[in-house]
């Protein structure tokens, strides 16, 4: 069986703009709040030729009752259709739930690996938070960190670091 490689994408901050409050990134809680990074479509169309496009996303606001699960699912459906994403793997737990799927743990990546027979060593994860990058590193992917300057812990180890999404996707398309 042929092994596939994936481009694992964090959702909020990558496919859509994160809402930032006092330096902390937040997920959009309504359909109206979902601000898609439209410019990424051309890059993802190129990358799709060589990678499965798979979203790996923590959505703890569902467990915190700050947003309904069906709103997140509707947002994901919009993103999937616009960007032609192969699949979404979402954790709806909070840190205190101690699940195996919530990044920085690699449960979601393992589910995707099993479903699509993904070769993780040939795959890339792109994210804007330390939890994303840590999960990618633990899973054996090359992790690309987008540093938006959030007021939180930053990852220390990554494959590449960029300050702008366009720069990261230009690099990935020309790698």
N, C-alpha and C. Protein backbone atom coordinates (compact mmCIF):
# COMPACT_ATOMS: atom_id res chain seq x y z
N UNK A 1 0.83 -1.19 0.00
CA UNK A 1 0.00 0.00 0.00
C UNK A 1 0.88 1.25 0.00
N UNK A 2 0.53 2.22 -0.83
CA UNK A 2 1.32 3.43 -0.95
C UNK A 2 1.14 4.31 0.29
N UNK A 3 2.25 4.84 0.75
CA UNK A 3 2.18 5.78 1.87
C UNK A 3 1.95 7.18 1.32
N UNK A 4 1.11 7.90 2.01
CA UNK A 4 0.81 9.28 1.64
C UNK A 4 1.53 10.23 2.57
N UNK A 5 1.69 11.45 2.11
CA UNK A 5 2.19 12.47 3.00
C UNK A 5 1.10 13.54 3.14
N UNK A 6 1.11 14.18 4.30
CA UNK A 6 0.06 15.15 4.60
C UNK A 6 0.65 16.51 4.95
N UNK A 7 -0.13 17.51 4.65
CA UNK A 7 0.11 18.84 5.18
C UNK A 7 -0.96 19.00 6.25
N UNK A 8 -0.53 18.88 7.52
CA UNK A 8 -1.44 19.06 8.64
C UNK A 8 -1.54 20.55 8.93
N UNK A 9 -2.75 21.05 8.92
CA UNK A 9 -3.00 22.48 9.10
C UNK A 9 -3.76 22.73 10.39
N UNK A 10 -3.25 23.62 11.21
CA UNK A 10 -4.06 24.11 12.31
C UNK A 10 -5.17 24.96 11.67
N UNK A 11 -6.29 25.09 12.34
CA UNK A 11 -7.40 25.84 11.76
C UNK A 11 -7.29 27.33 12.07
N UNK A 12 -7.53 27.70 13.33
CA UNK A 12 -7.59 29.10 13.72
C UNK A 12 -6.19 29.71 13.75
N UNK A 13 -6.01 30.75 12.97
CA UNK A 13 -4.70 31.39 12.83
C UNK A 13 -4.03 31.00 11.52
N UNK A 14 -4.46 29.88 10.95
CA UNK A 14 -3.88 29.45 9.67
C UNK A 14 -4.94 29.58 8.57
N UNK A 15 -5.95 28.72 8.56
CA UNK A 15 -6.99 28.80 7.52
C UNK A 15 -7.88 30.04 7.70
N UNK A 16 -8.11 30.38 8.93
CA UNK A 16 -8.90 31.58 9.24
C UNK A 16 -8.15 32.40 10.29
N UNK A 17 -8.51 33.65 10.37
CA UNK A 17 -7.86 34.53 11.34
C UNK A 17 -8.33 34.17 12.75
N UNK A 18 -7.39 34.10 13.67
CA UNK A 18 -7.74 33.93 15.07
C UNK A 18 -8.20 35.28 15.60
N UNK A 19 -9.16 35.26 16.50
CA UNK A 19 -9.53 36.48 17.20
C UNK A 19 -8.51 36.64 18.32
N UNK A 20 -7.95 37.81 18.48
CA UNK A 20 -6.91 38.00 19.50
C UNK A 20 -7.43 38.95 20.56
N UNK A 21 -7.40 38.49 21.81
CA UNK A 21 -7.85 39.28 22.94
C UNK A 21 -6.73 39.34 23.97
N UNK A 22 -6.20 40.54 24.21
CA UNK A 22 -5.10 40.75 25.15
C UNK A 22 -3.90 39.83 24.83
N UNK A 23 -3.63 39.68 23.55
CA UNK A 23 -2.47 38.91 23.11
C UNK A 23 -2.69 37.42 23.03
N UNK A 24 -3.90 36.95 23.36
CA UNK A 24 -4.20 35.52 23.33
C UNK A 24 -5.12 35.22 22.14
N UNK A 25 -4.79 34.20 21.34
CA UNK A 25 -5.64 33.85 20.20
C UNK A 25 -6.89 33.08 20.65
N UNK A 26 -8.00 33.39 20.03
CA UNK A 26 -9.27 32.73 20.32
C UNK A 26 -9.89 32.24 19.01
N UNK A 27 -10.73 31.23 19.13
CA UNK A 27 -11.46 30.72 17.97
C UNK A 27 -12.69 31.58 17.71
N UNK A 28 -13.07 31.71 16.44
CA UNK A 28 -14.32 32.41 16.14
C UNK A 28 -15.50 31.62 16.72
N UNK A 29 -16.44 32.32 17.31
CA UNK A 29 -17.56 31.66 17.98
C UNK A 29 -18.86 31.73 17.20
N UNK A 30 -18.84 32.45 16.09
CA UNK A 30 -20.02 32.53 15.23
C UNK A 30 -19.58 32.34 13.78
N UNK A 31 -20.53 32.10 12.92
CA UNK A 31 -20.22 32.01 11.48
C UNK A 31 -19.71 33.37 11.00
N UNK A 32 -20.31 34.44 11.49
CA UNK A 32 -19.92 35.80 11.09
C UNK A 32 -18.48 36.12 11.50
N UNK A 33 -18.04 35.55 12.62
CA UNK A 33 -16.67 35.79 13.11
C UNK A 33 -15.61 35.03 12.31
N UNK A 34 -16.02 34.07 11.50
CA UNK A 34 -15.07 33.27 10.72
C UNK A 34 -14.53 34.12 9.56
N UNK A 35 -13.29 34.54 9.68
CA UNK A 35 -12.64 35.37 8.66
C UNK A 35 -11.59 34.51 7.95
N UNK A 36 -11.95 34.03 6.78
CA UNK A 36 -11.10 33.11 6.01
C UNK A 36 -9.88 33.85 5.45
N UNK A 37 -8.74 33.20 5.49
CA UNK A 37 -7.52 33.71 4.84
C UNK A 37 -7.59 33.30 3.36
N UNK A 38 -8.36 34.04 2.59
CA UNK A 38 -8.66 33.70 1.20
C UNK A 38 -7.42 33.49 0.35
N UNK A 39 -6.36 34.26 0.61
CA UNK A 39 -5.16 34.18 -0.21
C UNK A 39 -4.50 32.80 -0.17
N UNK A 40 -4.81 32.01 0.86
CA UNK A 40 -4.18 30.69 0.97
C UNK A 40 -4.67 29.70 -0.09
N UNK A 41 -5.80 29.96 -0.69
CA UNK A 41 -6.38 29.01 -1.64
C UNK A 41 -5.40 28.65 -2.76
N UNK A 42 -4.74 29.65 -3.33
CA UNK A 42 -3.81 29.37 -4.44
C UNK A 42 -2.64 28.50 -3.98
N UNK A 43 -2.17 28.73 -2.76
CA UNK A 43 -1.07 27.91 -2.24
C UNK A 43 -1.53 26.48 -1.97
N UNK A 44 -2.69 26.35 -1.36
CA UNK A 44 -3.19 25.00 -1.05
C UNK A 44 -3.52 24.22 -2.32
N UNK A 45 -3.95 24.92 -3.36
CA UNK A 45 -4.18 24.25 -4.64
C UNK A 45 -2.89 23.63 -5.18
N UNK A 46 -1.77 24.34 -5.00
CA UNK A 46 -0.47 23.80 -5.44
C UNK A 46 -0.03 22.64 -4.54
N UNK A 47 -0.16 22.84 -3.24
CA UNK A 47 0.31 21.83 -2.28
C UNK A 47 -0.51 20.55 -2.32
N UNK A 48 -1.77 20.66 -2.71
CA UNK A 48 -2.67 19.51 -2.82
C UNK A 48 -2.13 18.45 -3.79
N UNK A 49 -1.34 18.89 -4.75
CA UNK A 49 -0.78 17.95 -5.73
C UNK A 49 0.16 16.94 -5.07
N UNK A 50 0.79 17.33 -3.96
CA UNK A 50 1.77 16.47 -3.29
C UNK A 50 1.38 16.03 -1.89
N UNK A 51 0.38 16.67 -1.32
CA UNK A 51 0.00 16.39 0.06
C UNK A 51 -1.50 16.23 0.22
N UNK A 52 -1.89 15.38 1.15
CA UNK A 52 -3.26 15.40 1.64
C UNK A 52 -3.37 16.65 2.51
N UNK A 53 -4.47 17.35 2.44
CA UNK A 53 -4.68 18.54 3.27
C UNK A 53 -5.59 18.14 4.42
N UNK A 54 -5.02 18.13 5.62
CA UNK A 54 -5.75 17.64 6.79
C UNK A 54 -5.67 18.68 7.91
N UNK A 55 -6.82 19.06 8.42
CA UNK A 55 -6.89 20.01 9.52
C UNK A 55 -6.88 19.25 10.84
N UNK A 56 -6.03 19.71 11.75
CA UNK A 56 -5.91 19.18 13.11
C UNK A 56 -6.20 20.36 14.04
N UNK A 57 -7.32 20.31 14.78
CA UNK A 57 -7.75 21.50 15.51
C UNK A 57 -8.29 21.18 16.91
N UNK A 58 -7.84 21.96 17.89
CA UNK A 58 -8.42 21.95 19.24
C UNK A 58 -9.56 22.96 19.24
N UNK A 59 -10.72 22.56 19.74
CA UNK A 59 -11.86 23.48 19.87
C UNK A 59 -12.47 23.34 21.27
N UNK A 60 -11.71 23.73 22.32
CA UNK A 60 -12.18 23.55 23.69
C UNK A 60 -13.37 24.42 24.07
N UNK A 61 -13.67 25.45 23.29
CA UNK A 61 -14.81 26.31 23.63
C UNK A 61 -16.13 25.54 23.60
N UNK A 62 -16.18 24.42 22.90
CA UNK A 62 -17.37 23.58 22.90
C UNK A 62 -17.57 22.98 24.30
N UNK A 63 -16.52 22.40 24.87
CA UNK A 63 -16.60 21.82 26.21
C UNK A 63 -16.86 22.89 27.27
N UNK A 64 -16.41 24.10 27.01
CA UNK A 64 -16.60 25.21 27.96
C UNK A 64 -17.97 25.87 27.78
N UNK A 65 -18.78 25.35 26.85
CA UNK A 65 -20.11 25.90 26.54
C UNK A 65 -20.07 27.36 26.08
N UNK A 66 -19.00 27.72 25.39
CA UNK A 66 -18.88 29.06 24.82
C UNK A 66 -19.34 29.11 23.37
N UNK A 67 -19.42 27.93 22.75
CA UNK A 67 -19.89 27.82 21.37
C UNK A 67 -20.49 26.42 21.20
N UNK A 68 -21.50 26.33 20.38
CA UNK A 68 -22.14 25.04 20.11
C UNK A 68 -21.30 24.26 19.09
N UNK A 69 -21.26 22.95 19.26
CA UNK A 69 -20.49 22.07 18.36
C UNK A 69 -20.95 22.25 16.92
N UNK A 70 -22.27 22.43 16.72
CA UNK A 70 -22.77 22.56 15.34
C UNK A 70 -22.25 23.82 14.66
N UNK A 71 -21.91 24.87 15.42
CA UNK A 71 -21.31 26.09 14.82
C UNK A 71 -19.90 25.77 14.32
N UNK A 72 -19.12 25.06 15.15
CA UNK A 72 -17.76 24.66 14.73
C UNK A 72 -17.85 23.78 13.49
N UNK A 73 -18.80 22.84 13.49
CA UNK A 73 -18.96 21.95 12.33
C UNK A 73 -19.36 22.73 11.08
N UNK A 74 -20.21 23.74 11.24
CA UNK A 74 -20.59 24.58 10.08
C UNK A 74 -19.40 25.38 9.58
N UNK A 75 -18.61 25.93 10.51
CA UNK A 75 -17.40 26.66 10.12
C UNK A 75 -16.46 25.72 9.35
N UNK A 76 -16.28 24.51 9.87
CA UNK A 76 -15.40 23.54 9.22
C UNK A 76 -15.91 23.17 7.83
N UNK A 77 -17.19 23.05 7.69
CA UNK A 77 -17.78 22.73 6.38
C UNK A 77 -17.49 23.85 5.37
N UNK A 78 -17.58 25.08 5.82
CA UNK A 78 -17.28 26.24 4.96
C UNK A 78 -15.81 26.19 4.53
N UNK A 79 -14.92 25.96 5.50
CA UNK A 79 -13.48 25.90 5.21
C UNK A 79 -13.15 24.71 4.30
N UNK A 80 -13.77 23.57 4.57
CA UNK A 80 -13.51 22.37 3.77
C UNK A 80 -13.90 22.60 2.31
N UNK A 81 -15.05 23.20 2.11
CA UNK A 81 -15.54 23.46 0.75
C UNK A 81 -14.67 24.49 0.04
N UNK A 82 -14.31 25.56 0.72
CA UNK A 82 -13.53 26.63 0.10
C UNK A 82 -12.12 26.17 -0.27
N UNK A 83 -11.45 25.50 0.69
CA UNK A 83 -10.06 25.10 0.48
C UNK A 83 -9.90 23.69 -0.08
N UNK A 84 -11.01 22.95 -0.23
CA UNK A 84 -10.97 21.55 -0.68
C UNK A 84 -10.08 20.70 0.25
N UNK A 85 -10.35 20.83 1.53
CA UNK A 85 -9.62 20.08 2.56
C UNK A 85 -10.03 18.61 2.49
N UNK A 86 -9.07 17.70 2.61
CA UNK A 86 -9.39 16.28 2.59
C UNK A 86 -10.17 15.83 3.83
N UNK A 87 -9.77 16.35 5.00
CA UNK A 87 -10.45 15.90 6.21
C UNK A 87 -10.14 16.84 7.38
N UNK A 88 -11.02 16.80 8.36
CA UNK A 88 -10.86 17.54 9.62
C UNK A 88 -10.83 16.54 10.76
N UNK A 89 -9.90 16.72 11.68
CA UNK A 89 -9.84 15.96 12.92
C UNK A 89 -9.86 17.00 14.04
N UNK A 90 -10.89 16.94 14.88
CA UNK A 90 -11.12 17.99 15.87
C UNK A 90 -11.23 17.41 17.27
N UNK A 91 -10.57 18.05 18.21
CA UNK A 91 -10.71 17.72 19.63
C UNK A 91 -11.58 18.80 20.27
N UNK A 92 -12.65 18.36 20.93
CA UNK A 92 -13.57 19.30 21.57
C UNK A 92 -13.35 19.35 23.09
N UNK A 93 -12.30 18.73 23.58
CA UNK A 93 -12.03 18.67 25.02
C UNK A 93 -11.28 19.90 25.53
N UNK A 94 -11.26 20.04 26.84
CA UNK A 94 -10.44 21.03 27.53
C UNK A 94 -9.20 20.33 28.06
N UNK A 95 -8.22 21.13 28.48
CA UNK A 95 -7.01 20.54 29.07
C UNK A 95 -7.34 19.61 30.22
N UNK A 96 -8.27 20.00 31.08
CA UNK A 96 -8.59 19.21 32.27
C UNK A 96 -9.19 17.84 31.95
N UNK A 97 -9.66 17.65 30.73
CA UNK A 97 -10.24 16.36 30.35
C UNK A 97 -9.19 15.28 30.15
N UNK A 98 -7.95 15.69 29.98
CA UNK A 98 -6.81 14.77 29.82
C UNK A 98 -7.06 13.70 28.75
N UNK A 99 -7.62 14.13 27.63
CA UNK A 99 -7.86 13.22 26.52
C UNK A 99 -6.55 12.93 25.78
N UNK A 100 -6.60 12.02 24.84
CA UNK A 100 -5.40 11.67 24.06
C UNK A 100 -5.36 12.42 22.72
N UNK A 101 -6.43 13.15 22.43
CA UNK A 101 -6.48 13.79 21.11
C UNK A 101 -6.08 15.26 21.13
N UNK A 102 -6.14 15.92 22.27
CA UNK A 102 -5.89 17.36 22.34
C UNK A 102 -4.41 17.68 22.17
N UNK A 103 -4.11 18.53 21.18
CA UNK A 103 -2.73 18.97 21.01
C UNK A 103 -2.28 19.64 22.30
N UNK A 104 -1.10 19.40 22.78
CA UNK A 104 0.09 18.90 22.10
C UNK A 104 0.19 17.37 22.00
N UNK A 105 -0.81 16.64 22.48
CA UNK A 105 -0.78 15.19 22.28
C UNK A 105 -1.05 14.91 20.81
N UNK A 106 -0.76 13.68 20.39
CA UNK A 106 -0.79 13.41 18.94
C UNK A 106 -1.94 12.49 18.50
N UNK A 107 -2.95 12.38 19.34
CA UNK A 107 -4.07 11.50 19.01
C UNK A 107 -4.73 11.81 17.68
N UNK A 108 -4.98 13.09 17.39
CA UNK A 108 -5.62 13.46 16.12
C UNK A 108 -4.74 13.10 14.93
N UNK A 109 -3.45 13.32 15.08
CA UNK A 109 -2.51 12.98 14.00
C UNK A 109 -2.48 11.47 13.79
N UNK A 110 -2.52 10.72 14.89
CA UNK A 110 -2.54 9.25 14.78
C UNK A 110 -3.81 8.74 14.08
N UNK A 111 -4.95 9.37 14.39
CA UNK A 111 -6.21 9.00 13.72
C UNK A 111 -6.08 9.23 12.21
N UNK A 112 -5.54 10.38 11.84
CA UNK A 112 -5.37 10.71 10.42
C UNK A 112 -4.38 9.74 9.76
N UNK A 113 -3.28 9.44 10.46
CA UNK A 113 -2.27 8.52 9.94
C UNK A 113 -2.90 7.16 9.62
N UNK A 114 -3.69 6.68 10.56
CA UNK A 114 -4.33 5.37 10.36
C UNK A 114 -5.35 5.41 9.22
N UNK A 115 -6.17 6.43 9.19
CA UNK A 115 -7.22 6.52 8.16
C UNK A 115 -6.64 6.63 6.76
N UNK A 116 -5.55 7.38 6.59
CA UNK A 116 -5.01 7.66 5.26
C UNK A 116 -3.66 7.00 4.99
N UNK A 117 -3.17 6.19 5.92
CA UNK A 117 -1.87 5.54 5.76
C UNK A 117 -0.78 6.57 5.47
N UNK A 118 -0.70 7.56 6.32
CA UNK A 118 0.21 8.69 6.12
C UNK A 118 1.61 8.37 6.64
N UNK A 119 2.59 8.75 5.85
CA UNK A 119 3.99 8.67 6.27
C UNK A 119 4.30 9.99 6.98
N UNK A 120 4.37 9.93 8.30
CA UNK A 120 4.54 11.15 9.08
C UNK A 120 5.91 11.80 8.87
N UNK A 121 6.93 11.02 8.60
CA UNK A 121 8.27 11.60 8.41
C UNK A 121 8.36 12.43 7.12
N UNK A 122 7.42 12.24 6.21
CA UNK A 122 7.39 13.02 4.97
C UNK A 122 6.30 14.09 5.02
N UNK A 123 5.68 14.22 6.18
CA UNK A 123 4.57 15.16 6.34
C UNK A 123 5.02 16.43 7.05
N UNK A 124 4.19 17.46 6.93
CA UNK A 124 4.47 18.77 7.52
C UNK A 124 3.25 19.20 8.33
N UNK A 125 3.50 19.80 9.48
CA UNK A 125 2.44 20.41 10.26
C UNK A 125 2.73 21.91 10.31
N UNK A 126 1.69 22.72 10.06
CA UNK A 126 1.85 24.16 10.14
C UNK A 126 0.87 24.71 11.17
N UNK A 127 1.41 25.48 12.12
CA UNK A 127 0.58 26.02 13.18
C UNK A 127 1.14 27.31 13.74
N UNK A 128 0.32 27.95 14.58
CA UNK A 128 0.70 29.26 15.13
C UNK A 128 0.82 29.26 16.65
N UNK A 129 0.81 28.06 17.25
CA UNK A 129 0.92 27.97 18.71
C UNK A 129 1.85 26.83 19.09
N UNK A 130 2.42 26.91 20.28
CA UNK A 130 3.37 25.89 20.72
C UNK A 130 2.76 24.51 20.73
N UNK A 131 1.46 24.40 21.04
CA UNK A 131 0.81 23.08 21.09
C UNK A 131 0.79 22.42 19.71
N UNK A 132 0.59 23.22 18.67
CA UNK A 132 0.61 22.69 17.30
C UNK A 132 1.99 22.12 16.99
N UNK A 133 2.99 22.94 17.24
CA UNK A 133 4.37 22.58 16.88
C UNK A 133 4.84 21.38 17.69
N UNK A 134 4.51 21.36 18.97
CA UNK A 134 4.88 20.23 19.82
C UNK A 134 4.26 18.94 19.31
N UNK A 135 2.99 18.99 18.93
CA UNK A 135 2.32 17.79 18.40
C UNK A 135 3.00 17.31 17.12
N UNK A 136 3.29 18.24 16.22
CA UNK A 136 3.97 17.87 14.98
C UNK A 136 5.32 17.24 15.24
N UNK A 137 6.08 17.83 16.16
CA UNK A 137 7.41 17.29 16.50
C UNK A 137 7.29 15.90 17.09
N UNK A 138 6.38 15.71 18.04
CA UNK A 138 6.20 14.40 18.69
C UNK A 138 5.77 13.33 17.69
N UNK A 139 5.00 13.74 16.70
CA UNK A 139 4.51 12.79 15.69
C UNK A 139 5.56 12.47 14.63
N UNK A 140 6.66 13.22 14.61
CA UNK A 140 7.71 12.97 13.63
C UNK A 140 7.55 13.75 12.34
N UNK A 141 6.71 14.77 12.35
CA UNK A 141 6.52 15.64 11.18
C UNK A 141 7.53 16.78 11.22
N UNK A 142 7.71 17.43 10.10
CA UNK A 142 8.43 18.70 10.08
C UNK A 142 7.41 19.76 10.47
N UNK A 143 7.73 20.56 11.48
CA UNK A 143 6.78 21.55 11.99
C UNK A 143 7.17 22.96 11.56
N UNK A 144 6.22 23.65 10.97
CA UNK A 144 6.42 25.02 10.52
C UNK A 144 5.61 25.94 11.43
N UNK A 145 6.33 26.83 12.11
CA UNK A 145 5.74 27.71 13.11
C UNK A 145 5.53 29.11 12.54
N UNK A 146 4.30 29.59 12.67
CA UNK A 146 3.98 30.97 12.30
C UNK A 146 3.92 31.75 13.60
N UNK A 147 4.86 32.66 13.81
CA UNK A 147 4.95 33.42 15.05
C UNK A 147 4.22 34.75 14.90
N UNK A 148 2.99 34.77 15.39
CA UNK A 148 2.20 36.00 15.35
C UNK A 148 2.43 36.87 16.57
N UNK A 149 3.35 36.48 17.45
CA UNK A 149 3.68 37.29 18.61
C UNK A 149 2.65 37.22 19.72
N UNK A 150 1.91 36.12 19.81
CA UNK A 150 0.94 35.97 20.89
C UNK A 150 1.66 36.03 22.24
N UNK A 151 0.94 36.46 23.26
CA UNK A 151 1.48 36.53 24.61
C UNK A 151 1.29 35.17 25.29
N UNK A 152 2.08 34.22 24.87
CA UNK A 152 2.05 32.87 25.42
C UNK A 152 3.38 32.18 25.11
N UNK A 153 3.54 31.00 25.63
CA UNK A 153 4.75 30.22 25.40
C UNK A 153 4.97 30.04 23.90
N UNK A 154 6.23 30.14 23.49
CA UNK A 154 6.57 29.90 22.09
C UNK A 154 7.35 28.60 22.00
N UNK A 155 7.20 27.88 20.90
CA UNK A 155 7.97 26.64 20.76
C UNK A 155 9.45 26.94 20.60
N UNK A 156 10.27 26.02 21.08
CA UNK A 156 11.72 26.19 20.97
C UNK A 156 12.29 25.41 19.78
N UNK A 157 11.59 24.36 19.39
CA UNK A 157 12.09 23.49 18.33
C UNK A 157 11.06 23.42 17.20
N UNK A 158 11.52 23.69 15.99
CA UNK A 158 10.65 23.63 14.82
C UNK A 158 11.53 23.50 13.58
N UNK A 159 10.93 23.08 12.49
CA UNK A 159 11.65 22.94 11.22
C UNK A 159 11.95 24.33 10.64
N UNK A 160 10.92 25.18 10.57
CA UNK A 160 11.07 26.55 10.06
C UNK A 160 10.13 27.46 10.84
N UNK A 161 10.51 28.72 10.93
CA UNK A 161 9.69 29.73 11.59
C UNK A 161 9.50 30.91 10.65
N UNK A 162 8.27 31.41 10.62
CA UNK A 162 7.94 32.57 9.79
C UNK A 162 7.09 33.53 10.60
N UNK A 163 7.13 34.80 10.22
CA UNK A 163 6.32 35.81 10.88
C UNK A 163 5.04 36.10 10.09
N UNK A 164 4.99 35.60 8.85
CA UNK A 164 3.82 35.83 7.99
C UNK A 164 3.41 34.53 7.31
N UNK A 165 2.10 34.33 7.20
CA UNK A 165 1.58 33.14 6.52
C UNK A 165 2.05 33.05 5.07
N UNK A 166 2.00 34.18 4.37
CA UNK A 166 2.40 34.17 2.95
C UNK A 166 3.83 33.67 2.79
N UNK A 167 4.71 34.11 3.66
CA UNK A 167 6.11 33.68 3.58
C UNK A 167 6.22 32.17 3.79
N UNK A 168 5.49 31.65 4.74
CA UNK A 168 5.52 30.21 5.01
C UNK A 168 5.00 29.42 3.81
N UNK A 169 3.89 29.85 3.25
CA UNK A 169 3.31 29.09 2.15
C UNK A 169 4.11 29.26 0.86
N UNK A 170 4.74 30.41 0.68
CA UNK A 170 5.68 30.56 -0.45
C UNK A 170 6.81 29.54 -0.31
N UNK A 171 7.35 29.45 0.89
CA UNK A 171 8.43 28.49 1.15
C UNK A 171 7.97 27.06 0.87
N UNK A 172 6.80 26.68 1.40
CA UNK A 172 6.31 25.31 1.23
C UNK A 172 6.06 24.97 -0.24
N UNK A 173 5.58 25.94 -0.99
CA UNK A 173 5.31 25.68 -2.41
C UNK A 173 6.58 25.58 -3.24
N UNK A 174 7.67 26.13 -2.73
CA UNK A 174 8.92 26.13 -3.47
C UNK A 174 9.98 25.20 -2.88
N UNK A 175 9.60 24.46 -1.87
CA UNK A 175 10.54 23.56 -1.19
C UNK A 175 10.92 22.39 -2.08
